[in-house]
C-alpha atoms as a PDB file:
ATOM      1  CA  MET A   1     -10.289  20.798-111.775  1.00  0.00           C
ATOM      2  CA  VAL A   2     -10.706  22.136-108.222  1.00  0.00           C
ATOM      3  CA  LEU A   3     -11.946  19.861-105.450  1.00  0.00           C
ATOM      4  CA  ASN A   4     -13.824  21.304-102.507  1.00  0.00           C
ATOM      5  CA  LEU A   5     -12.468  19.118 -99.726  1.00  0.00           C
ATOM      6  CA  SER A   6     -14.499  20.778 -96.971  1.00  0.00           C
ATOM      7  CA  SER A   7     -17.807  19.839 -98.607  1.00  0.00           C
ATOM      8  CA  ARG A   8     -16.526  16.282 -99.155  1.00  0.00           C
ATOM      9  CA  SER A   9     -15.586  16.094 -95.489  1.00  0.00           C
ATOM     10  CA  ASP A  10     -18.998  17.466 -94.446  1.00  0.00           C
ATOM     11  CA  GLU A  11     -20.732  14.907 -96.661  1.00  0.00           C
ATOM     12  CA  GLY A  12     -18.597  12.135 -95.157  1.00  0.00           C
ATOM     13  CA  ASP A  13     -19.496  13.303 -91.651  1.00  0.00           C
ATOM     14  CA  LYS A  14     -23.206  13.178 -92.522  1.00  0.00           C
ATOM     15  CA  ILE A  15     -22.897   9.674 -93.926  1.00  0.00           C
ATOM     16  CA  ARG A  16     -20.928   8.522 -90.857  1.00  0.00           C
ATOM     17  CA  LEU A  17     -23.595  10.006 -88.580  1.00  0.00           C
ATOM     18  CA  MET A  18     -26.341   8.183 -90.506  1.00  0.00           C
ATOM     19  CA  ALA A  19     -24.374   4.926 -90.292  1.00  0.00           C
ATOM     20  CA  ASP A  20     -23.883   5.473 -86.550  1.00  0.00           C
ATOM     21  CA  LEU A  21     -27.632   5.977 -86.127  1.00  0.00           C
ATOM     22  CA  LEU A  22     -28.336   2.689 -87.903  1.00  0.00           C
ATOM     23  CA  ARG A  23     -25.698   0.850 -85.844  1.00  0.00           C
ATOM     24  CA  SER A  24     -27.256   2.197 -82.639  1.00  0.00           C
ATOM     25  CA  GLY A  25     -30.634   0.706 -83.544  1.00  0.00           C
ATOM     26  CA  ALA A  26     -32.339   3.580 -85.375  1.00  0.00           C
ATOM     27  CA  THR A  27     -34.385   2.678 -88.426  1.00  0.00           C
ATOM     28  CA  LEU A  28     -34.630   4.506 -91.718  1.00  0.00           C
ATOM     29  CA  THR A  29     -38.163   5.719 -92.458  1.00  0.00           C
ATOM     30  CA  ASP A  30     -39.855   6.578 -95.726  1.00  0.00           C
ATOM     31  CA  LEU A  31     -40.064  10.216 -94.604  1.00  0.00           C
ATOM     32  CA  SER A  32     -37.797  13.087 -95.576  1.00  0.00           C
ATOM     33  CA  CYS A  33     -36.940  16.217 -93.632  1.00  0.00           C
ATOM     34  CA  PRO A  34     -39.116  19.195 -94.590  1.00  0.00           C
ATOM     35  CA  ALA A  35     -36.129  21.526 -94.095  1.00  0.00           C
ATOM     36  CA  CYS A  36     -33.350  19.720 -95.984  1.00  0.00           C
ATOM     37  CA  SER A  37     -35.006  16.680 -97.683  1.00  0.00           C
ATOM     38  CA  SER A  38     -32.591  14.316 -95.941  1.00  0.00           C
ATOM     39  CA  PRO A  39     -33.912  10.889 -94.858  1.00  0.00           C
ATOM     40  CA  ILE A  40     -35.580  10.731 -91.436  1.00  0.00           C
ATOM     41  CA  PHE A  41     -34.577   8.101 -88.880  1.00  0.00           C
ATOM     42  CA  ARG A  42     -36.729   6.643 -86.106  1.00  0.00           C
ATOM     43  CA  LEU A  43     -34.670   6.356 -82.917  1.00  0.00           C
ATOM     44  CA  LYS A  44     -35.104   3.519 -80.434  1.00  0.00           C
ATOM     45  CA  ASN A  45     -37.186   5.800 -78.192  1.00  0.00           C
ATOM     46  CA  GLY A  46     -39.597   6.455 -81.082  1.00  0.00           C
ATOM     47  CA  ASP A  47     -38.456   9.994 -81.862  1.00  0.00           C
ATOM     48  CA  LEU A  48     -37.971  10.976 -85.492  1.00  0.00           C
ATOM     49  CA  TRP A  49     -34.537  12.489 -86.211  1.00  0.00           C
ATOM     50  CA  CYS A  50     -32.944  14.306 -89.140  1.00  0.00           C
ATOM     51  CA  ALA A  51     -29.240  13.444 -89.197  1.00  0.00           C
ATOM     52  CA  GLN A  52     -28.359  16.332 -91.490  1.00  0.00           C
ATOM     53  CA  CYS A  53     -30.138  19.058 -89.482  1.00  0.00           C
ATOM     54  CA  ARG A  54     -29.358  17.198 -86.249  1.00  0.00           C
ATOM     55  CA  LYS A  55     -32.831  17.961 -84.980  1.00  0.00           C
ATOM     56  CA  LYS A  56     -35.919  16.129 -83.809  1.00  0.00           C
ATOM     57  CA  VAL A  57     -38.687  16.039 -86.417  1.00  0.00           C
ATOM     58  CA  ILE A  58     -42.364  16.169 -85.499  1.00  0.00           C
ATOM     59  CA  VAL A  59     -44.905  14.833 -87.974  1.00  0.00           C
ATOM     60  CA  VAL A  60     -48.231  16.645 -87.915  1.00  0.00           C
ATOM     61  CA  ARG A  61     -51.334  15.257 -89.526  1.00  0.00           C
ATOM     62  CA  GLU A  62     -53.789  18.158 -89.238  1.00  0.00           C
ATOM     63  CA  SER A  63     -53.484  21.937 -89.284  1.00  0.00           C
ATOM     64  CA  GLU A  64     -54.848  22.213 -85.723  1.00  0.00           C
ATOM     65  CA  GLU A  65     -52.057  19.939 -84.495  1.00  0.00           C
ATOM     66  CA  ALA A  66     -49.520  22.059 -86.366  1.00  0.00           C
ATOM     67  CA  GLU A  67     -50.821  25.214 -84.719  1.00  0.00           C
ATOM     68  CA  GLU A  68     -50.748  23.574 -81.290  1.00  0.00           C
ATOM     69  CA  ILE A  69     -47.172  22.365 -81.772  1.00  0.00           C
ATOM     70  CA  GLU A  70     -46.110  25.783 -83.031  1.00  0.00           C
ATOM     71  CA  ALA A  71     -47.736  27.449 -80.012  1.00  0.00           C
ATOM     72  CA  LEU A  72     -45.999  25.063 -77.590  1.00  0.00           C
ATOM     73  CA  SER A  73     -42.693  25.660 -79.364  1.00  0.00           C
ATOM     74  CA  THR A  74     -43.157  29.420 -79.059  1.00  0.00           C
ATOM     75  CA  LEU A  75     -43.957  29.061 -75.357  1.00  0.00           C
ATOM     76  CA  SER A  76     -40.831  26.971 -74.886  1.00  0.00           C
ATOM     77  CA  GLN A  77     -38.713  29.610 -76.615  1.00  0.00           C
ATOM     78  CA  ALA A  78     -40.286  32.363 -74.488  1.00  0.00           C
ATOM     79  CA  GLU A  79     -39.598  30.344 -71.335  1.00  0.00           C
ATOM     80  CA  SER A  80     -35.942  29.922 -72.338  1.00  0.00           C
ATOM     81  CA  THR A  81     -35.607  33.634 -73.047  1.00  0.00           C
ATOM     82  CA  ILE A  82     -37.135  34.617 -69.711  1.00  0.00           C
ATOM     83  CA  LEU A  83     -34.909  32.158 -67.846  1.00  0.00           C
ATOM     84  CA  MET A  84     -31.875  33.679 -69.538  1.00  0.00           C
ATOM     85  CA  LYS A  85     -33.042  37.190 -68.582  1.00  0.00           C
ATOM     86  CA  ILE A  86     -33.632  36.094 -64.978  1.00  0.00           C
ATOM     87  CA  TRP A  87     -30.054  34.819 -64.879  1.00  0.00           C
ATOM     88  CA  GLU A  88     -28.752  38.119 -66.339  1.00  0.00           C
ATOM     89  CA  VAL A  89     -30.713  40.257 -63.849  1.00  0.00           C
ATOM     90  CA  ASN A  90     -29.537  38.032 -60.998  1.00  0.00           C
ATOM     91  CA  GLU A  91     -25.916  38.537 -62.037  1.00  0.00           C
ATOM     92  CA  LYS A  92     -26.425  42.330 -62.056  1.00  0.00           C
ATOM     93  CA  LEU A  93     -28.139  42.217 -58.661  1.00  0.00           C
ATOM     94  CA  ARG A  94     -25.263  40.221 -57.235  1.00  0.00           C
ATOM     95  CA  VAL A  95     -22.768  43.052 -57.795  1.00  0.00           C
ATOM     96  CA  GLU A  96     -25.014  46.141 -57.533  1.00  0.00           C
ATOM     97  CA  ASP A  97     -24.527  48.544 -54.580  1.00  0.00           C
ATOM     98  CA  ASN A  98     -26.800  51.418 -55.615  1.00  0.00           C
ATOM     99  CA  PRO A  99     -30.143  51.105 -53.714  1.00  0.00           C
ATOM    100  CA  GLU A 100     -32.143  52.681 -56.562  1.00  0.00           C
ATOM    101  CA  GLU A 101     -30.661  50.307 -59.108  1.00  0.00           C
ATOM    102  CA  ILE A 102     -31.258  47.359 -56.755  1.00  0.00           C
ATOM    103  CA  HIS A 103     -34.911  48.420 -56.496  1.00  0.00           C
ATOM    104  CA  LYS A 104     -35.243  48.613 -60.316  1.00  0.00           C
ATOM    105  CA  LEU A 105     -33.561  45.259 -60.830  1.00  0.00           C
ATOM    106  CA  SER A 106     -35.719  43.651 -58.106  1.00  0.00           C
ATOM    107  CA  ALA A 107     -38.880  44.951 -59.783  1.00  0.00           C
ATOM    108  CA  LEU A 108     -37.665  43.600 -63.116  1.00  0.00           C
ATOM    109  CA  MET A 109     -36.865  40.225 -61.520  1.00  0.00           C
ATOM    110  CA  SER A 110     -40.343  40.090 -60.001  1.00  0.00           C
ATOM    111  CA  SER A 111     -41.930  40.830 -63.371  1.00  0.00           C
ATOM    112  CA  LEU A 112     -39.820  38.189 -65.116  1.00  0.00           C
ATOM    113  CA  LEU A 113     -40.742  35.583 -62.490  1.00  0.00           C
ATOM    114  CA  GLU A 114     -44.443  36.395 -62.842  1.00  0.00           C
ATOM    115  CA  ASN A 115     -44.196  36.017 -66.616  1.00  0.00           C
ATOM    116  CA  LEU A 116     -42.327  32.737 -66.243  1.00  0.00           C
ATOM    117  CA  GLU A 117     -45.088  31.429 -63.988  1.00  0.00           C
ATOM    118  CA  LYS A 118     -47.758  32.482 -66.517  1.00  0.00           C
ATOM    119  CA  ILE A 119     -45.923  30.808 -69.403  1.00  0.00           C
ATOM    120  CA  ARG A 120     -45.578  27.588 -67.434  1.00  0.00           C
ATOM    121  CA  LYS A 121     -49.290  27.598 -66.522  1.00  0.00           C
ATOM    122  CA  ILE A 122     -50.270  28.140 -70.164  1.00  0.00           C
ATOM    123  CA  GLY A 123     -47.902  25.347 -71.206  1.00  0.00           C
ATOM    124  CA  LYS A 124     -49.532  22.926 -68.774  1.00  0.00           C
ATOM    125  CA  LEU A 125     -52.979  23.769 -70.154  1.00  0.00           C
ATOM    126  CA  GLY A 126     -51.825  23.043 -73.701  1.00  0.00           C
ATOM    127  CA  ARG A 127     -50.499  19.561 -72.908  1.00  0.00           C
END
């Protein structure tokens, strides 16, 4: 018989994390995670949390709410991506000496900043 110790250790870690959540004041709900079917905990701040996925869980009651949450999530991801690209362009600008390349990078930075502003305006409208 062969024992898979890594999966036993992973399972033990999950159980310890769940116990830690309970000790910190979280409560076990009657809900299960849609991704992994693990029990969902309600944290002290009211958030729902899957200990196995280690992610916040959002419960949606109607399809319109689901679409709205998905749209806001997509906007958040787009905002993160643009922020990362702004950082990358800034790093290139910092070391660039070629005037033509500086002009191209500046135009790209301007476009990224405009898109970031648009995403943030749309996000405020959706809240």
